[in-house]
Amino acid sequence: MPEISRFLGIIITMVYDDHNPPHFHAKYGAFFASIDIEKLTISAGSLPPRVLGLVLEWATIHNEDLLADWQLMVKNLPLKKIEPLV
């Protein structure tokens, strides 16, 4: 699972050969969630409310970067790192 960003203890990844719709994975301690890139909703798992807010803020800022990485992942190409939330 390639890591594309890390901030405030949150690890953001994508998985090669993953299913549609375009999404990314966020891990925070023992919590894990899949986040739909276009809808910015949790499709599986859960995160604490504060962490979810930070992840969604980051995903809103980097929506185009996330979709670009999804397209790279579909083509089995290396993913690009995305700036963390500051």
N, C-alpha and C. Protein backbone atom coordinates (compact mmCIF):
# COMPACT_ATOMS: atom_id res chain seq x y z
N MET A 1 0.84 -1.16 0.00
CA MET A 1 0.00 0.00 0.00
C MET A 1 0.90 1.24 0.00
N PRO A 2 1.10 1.87 -1.15
CA PRO A 2 1.98 3.04 -1.20
C PRO A 2 1.43 4.23 -0.40
N GLU A 3 2.31 4.80 0.41
CA GLU A 3 1.95 5.98 1.19
C GLU A 3 2.08 7.21 0.30
N ILE A 4 1.02 8.02 0.24
CA ILE A 4 1.10 9.23 -0.57
C ILE A 4 1.17 10.50 0.26
N SER A 5 0.83 10.41 1.55
CA SER A 5 0.96 11.57 2.43
C SER A 5 0.91 11.11 3.88
N ARG A 6 1.46 11.96 4.74
CA ARG A 6 1.44 11.68 6.19
C ARG A 6 1.43 13.01 6.91
N PHE A 7 0.49 13.18 7.84
CA PHE A 7 0.42 14.42 8.61
C PHE A 7 -0.35 14.17 9.91
N LEU A 8 0.12 14.78 10.98
CA LEU A 8 -0.55 14.74 12.28
C LEU A 8 -0.92 13.32 12.73
N GLY A 9 -0.04 12.36 12.43
CA GLY A 9 -0.29 10.97 12.81
C GLY A 9 -1.21 10.22 11.88
N ILE A 10 -1.63 10.86 10.78
CA ILE A 10 -2.54 10.25 9.80
C ILE A 10 -1.72 9.79 8.60
N ILE A 11 -1.92 8.56 8.17
CA ILE A 11 -1.22 8.02 7.01
C ILE A 11 -2.24 7.82 5.89
N ILE A 12 -1.93 8.40 4.71
CA ILE A 12 -2.81 8.31 3.55
C ILE A 12 -2.16 7.39 2.52
N THR A 13 -2.92 6.39 2.05
CA THR A 13 -2.39 5.42 1.10
C THR A 13 -3.40 5.16 -0.02
N MET A 14 -2.90 4.52 -1.07
CA MET A 14 -3.74 3.95 -2.12
C MET A 14 -3.23 2.54 -2.36
N VAL A 15 -4.11 1.68 -2.87
CA VAL A 15 -3.77 0.28 -3.09
C VAL A 15 -3.84 -0.03 -4.58
N TYR A 16 -2.74 -0.55 -5.13
CA TYR A 16 -2.76 -0.96 -6.53
C TYR A 16 -3.79 -2.06 -6.73
N ASP A 17 -4.38 -2.10 -7.91
CA ASP A 17 -5.42 -3.09 -8.27
C ASP A 17 -6.65 -2.97 -7.38
N ASP A 18 -6.92 -1.76 -6.88
CA ASP A 18 -8.10 -1.56 -6.04
C ASP A 18 -9.32 -1.32 -6.92
N HIS A 19 -10.47 -1.36 -6.33
CA HIS A 19 -11.75 -1.27 -7.04
C HIS A 19 -12.24 0.17 -7.14
N ASN A 20 -13.16 0.41 -8.06
CA ASN A 20 -13.84 1.70 -8.16
C ASN A 20 -14.90 1.79 -7.08
N PRO A 21 -15.35 2.95 -6.69
CA PRO A 21 -15.01 4.27 -7.19
C PRO A 21 -13.64 4.71 -6.67
N PRO A 22 -13.05 5.74 -7.30
CA PRO A 22 -11.76 6.24 -6.83
C PRO A 22 -11.81 6.59 -5.34
N HIS A 23 -10.84 6.09 -4.61
CA HIS A 23 -10.80 6.33 -3.17
C HIS A 23 -9.38 6.22 -2.66
N PHE A 24 -9.18 6.64 -1.43
CA PHE A 24 -7.90 6.48 -0.75
C PHE A 24 -8.18 5.94 0.65
N HIS A 25 -7.13 5.52 1.31
CA HIS A 25 -7.25 4.95 2.64
C HIS A 25 -6.55 5.87 3.64
N ALA A 26 -7.19 6.07 4.78
CA ALA A 26 -6.61 6.88 5.86
C ALA A 26 -6.51 6.00 7.10
N LYS A 27 -5.32 6.03 7.72
CA LYS A 27 -5.10 5.25 8.94
C LYS A 27 -4.65 6.21 10.03
N TYR A 28 -5.24 6.04 11.20
CA TYR A 28 -4.87 6.84 12.36
C TYR A 28 -4.91 5.91 13.57
N GLY A 29 -3.74 5.52 14.06
CA GLY A 29 -3.69 4.56 15.16
C GLY A 29 -4.39 3.28 14.76
N ALA A 30 -5.37 2.85 15.55
CA ALA A 30 -6.11 1.62 15.26
C ALA A 30 -7.29 1.87 14.31
N PHE A 31 -7.51 3.12 13.92
CA PHE A 31 -8.64 3.45 13.04
C PHE A 31 -8.22 3.42 11.59
N PHE A 32 -9.15 3.01 10.73
CA PHE A 32 -8.88 2.90 9.31
C PHE A 32 -10.16 3.21 8.55
N ALA A 33 -10.05 3.97 7.46
CA ALA A 33 -11.23 4.26 6.65
C ALA A 33 -10.85 4.39 5.18
N SER A 34 -11.77 4.01 4.32
CA SER A 34 -11.67 4.27 2.89
C SER A 34 -12.52 5.50 2.60
N ILE A 35 -11.95 6.45 1.86
CA ILE A 35 -12.64 7.71 1.58
C ILE A 35 -12.83 7.85 0.07
N ASP A 36 -14.07 8.03 -0.35
CA ASP A 36 -14.40 8.27 -1.75
C ASP A 36 -13.86 9.65 -2.14
N ILE A 37 -13.05 9.72 -3.19
CA ILE A 37 -12.40 10.97 -3.58
C ILE A 37 -13.40 11.99 -4.09
N GLU A 38 -14.35 11.56 -4.87
CA GLU A 38 -15.29 12.51 -5.48
C GLU A 38 -16.38 12.97 -4.51
N LYS A 39 -16.90 12.06 -3.69
CA LYS A 39 -17.98 12.41 -2.75
C LYS A 39 -17.46 12.88 -1.40
N LEU A 40 -16.19 12.58 -1.11
CA LEU A 40 -15.58 12.88 0.18
C LEU A 40 -16.42 12.31 1.32
N THR A 41 -16.75 11.03 1.19
CA THR A 41 -17.48 10.31 2.23
C THR A 41 -16.73 9.02 2.56
N ILE A 42 -16.96 8.51 3.76
CA ILE A 42 -16.37 7.24 4.15
C ILE A 42 -17.17 6.11 3.49
N SER A 43 -16.47 5.23 2.77
CA SER A 43 -17.14 4.08 2.16
C SER A 43 -16.94 2.82 2.98
N ALA A 44 -15.95 2.83 3.87
CA ALA A 44 -15.72 1.69 4.76
C ALA A 44 -14.89 2.16 5.95
N GLY A 45 -15.09 1.54 7.09
CA GLY A 45 -14.31 1.85 8.27
C GLY A 45 -14.80 3.09 8.99
N SER A 46 -13.94 3.63 9.85
CA SER A 46 -14.30 4.83 10.61
C SER A 46 -13.04 5.53 11.10
N LEU A 47 -13.20 6.82 11.37
CA LEU A 47 -12.14 7.64 11.96
C LEU A 47 -12.78 8.49 13.05
N PRO A 48 -12.00 8.89 14.07
CA PRO A 48 -12.55 9.82 15.05
C PRO A 48 -12.99 11.10 14.33
N PRO A 49 -14.04 11.77 14.81
CA PRO A 49 -14.57 12.96 14.12
C PRO A 49 -13.53 14.03 13.81
N ARG A 50 -12.66 14.33 14.76
CA ARG A 50 -11.63 15.36 14.53
C ARG A 50 -10.69 14.95 13.41
N VAL A 51 -10.29 13.68 13.42
CA VAL A 51 -9.37 13.16 12.39
C VAL A 51 -10.07 13.16 11.03
N LEU A 52 -11.32 12.73 11.00
CA LEU A 52 -12.07 12.74 9.74
C LEU A 52 -12.14 14.16 9.18
N GLY A 53 -12.37 15.14 10.02
CA GLY A 53 -12.41 16.53 9.57
C GLY A 53 -11.09 16.96 8.94
N LEU A 54 -9.98 16.58 9.56
CA LEU A 54 -8.66 16.91 9.00
C LEU A 54 -8.44 16.21 7.66
N VAL A 55 -8.81 14.94 7.58
CA VAL A 55 -8.64 14.18 6.34
C VAL A 55 -9.48 14.79 5.22
N LEU A 56 -10.71 15.15 5.53
CA LEU A 56 -11.58 15.73 4.50
C LEU A 56 -11.10 17.12 4.08
N GLU A 57 -10.57 17.89 5.02
CA GLU A 57 -10.00 19.20 4.66
C GLU A 57 -8.83 19.00 3.71
N TRP A 58 -7.93 18.07 4.04
CA TRP A 58 -6.78 17.77 3.18
C TRP A 58 -7.24 17.29 1.81
N ALA A 59 -8.22 16.38 1.79
CA ALA A 59 -8.70 15.81 0.52
C ALA A 59 -9.37 16.86 -0.35
N THR A 60 -10.04 17.82 0.26
CA THR A 60 -10.66 18.91 -0.49
C THR A 60 -9.59 19.76 -1.17
N ILE A 61 -8.55 20.07 -0.43
CA ILE A 61 -7.44 20.87 -0.97
C ILE A 61 -6.73 20.13 -2.10
N HIS A 62 -6.57 18.82 -1.96
CA HIS A 62 -5.76 18.02 -2.89
C HIS A 62 -6.60 17.09 -3.77
N ASN A 63 -7.84 17.46 -4.03
CA ASN A 63 -8.73 16.59 -4.80
C ASN A 63 -8.16 16.24 -6.17
N GLU A 64 -7.64 17.22 -6.90
CA GLU A 64 -7.07 16.95 -8.23
C GLU A 64 -5.86 16.04 -8.14
N ASP A 65 -5.02 16.25 -7.12
CA ASP A 65 -3.84 15.40 -6.93
C ASP A 65 -4.26 13.95 -6.64
N LEU A 66 -5.30 13.79 -5.84
CA LEU A 66 -5.78 12.45 -5.51
C LEU A 66 -6.32 11.74 -6.76
N LEU A 67 -7.08 12.45 -7.57
CA LEU A 67 -7.60 11.85 -8.80
C LEU A 67 -6.47 11.52 -9.77
N ALA A 68 -5.44 12.37 -9.82
CA ALA A 68 -4.28 12.09 -10.67
C ALA A 68 -3.55 10.84 -10.18
N ASP A 69 -3.38 10.70 -8.87
CA ASP A 69 -2.74 9.49 -8.33
C ASP A 69 -3.60 8.26 -8.62
N TRP A 70 -4.92 8.39 -8.54
CA TRP A 70 -5.79 7.25 -8.85
C TRP A 70 -5.56 6.79 -10.29
N GLN A 71 -5.44 7.75 -11.22
CA GLN A 71 -5.20 7.39 -12.62
C GLN A 71 -3.84 6.72 -12.79
N LEU A 72 -2.83 7.18 -12.07
CA LEU A 72 -1.52 6.52 -12.10
C LEU A 72 -1.64 5.10 -11.55
N MET A 73 -2.39 4.94 -10.46
CA MET A 73 -2.55 3.63 -9.84
C MET A 73 -3.23 2.66 -10.81
N VAL A 74 -4.25 3.13 -11.54
CA VAL A 74 -4.97 2.29 -12.50
C VAL A 74 -4.00 1.80 -13.59
N LYS A 75 -3.04 2.65 -13.95
CA LYS A 75 -2.06 2.30 -14.99
C LYS A 75 -0.85 1.57 -14.42
N ASN A 76 -0.89 1.29 -13.11
CA ASN A 76 0.20 0.60 -12.42
C ASN A 76 1.51 1.38 -12.49
N LEU A 77 1.40 2.71 -12.42
CA LEU A 77 2.56 3.59 -12.43
C LEU A 77 2.82 4.09 -11.01
N PRO A 78 4.05 4.56 -10.75
CA PRO A 78 4.35 5.07 -9.40
C PRO A 78 3.46 6.26 -9.04
N LEU A 79 3.01 6.28 -7.80
CA LEU A 79 2.17 7.37 -7.31
C LEU A 79 3.05 8.55 -6.88
N LYS A 80 2.48 9.74 -6.95
CA LYS A 80 3.20 10.93 -6.51
C LYS A 80 2.81 11.27 -5.08
N LYS A 81 3.79 11.72 -4.31
CA LYS A 81 3.52 12.18 -2.95
C LYS A 81 2.69 13.45 -3.01
N ILE A 82 1.80 13.61 -2.05
CA ILE A 82 0.95 14.80 -1.96
C ILE A 82 1.31 15.52 -0.67
N GLU A 83 1.41 16.84 -0.77
CA GLU A 83 1.78 17.67 0.38
C GLU A 83 0.86 17.38 1.58
N PRO A 84 1.42 17.35 2.78
CA PRO A 84 0.59 17.13 3.97
C PRO A 84 -0.22 18.37 4.32
N LEU A 85 -1.18 18.20 5.20
CA LEU A 85 -1.94 19.31 5.74
C LEU A 85 -1.04 20.05 6.71
N VAL A 86 -0.95 21.35 6.56
CA VAL A 86 -0.09 22.14 7.46
C VAL A 86 -0.89 23.10 8.30
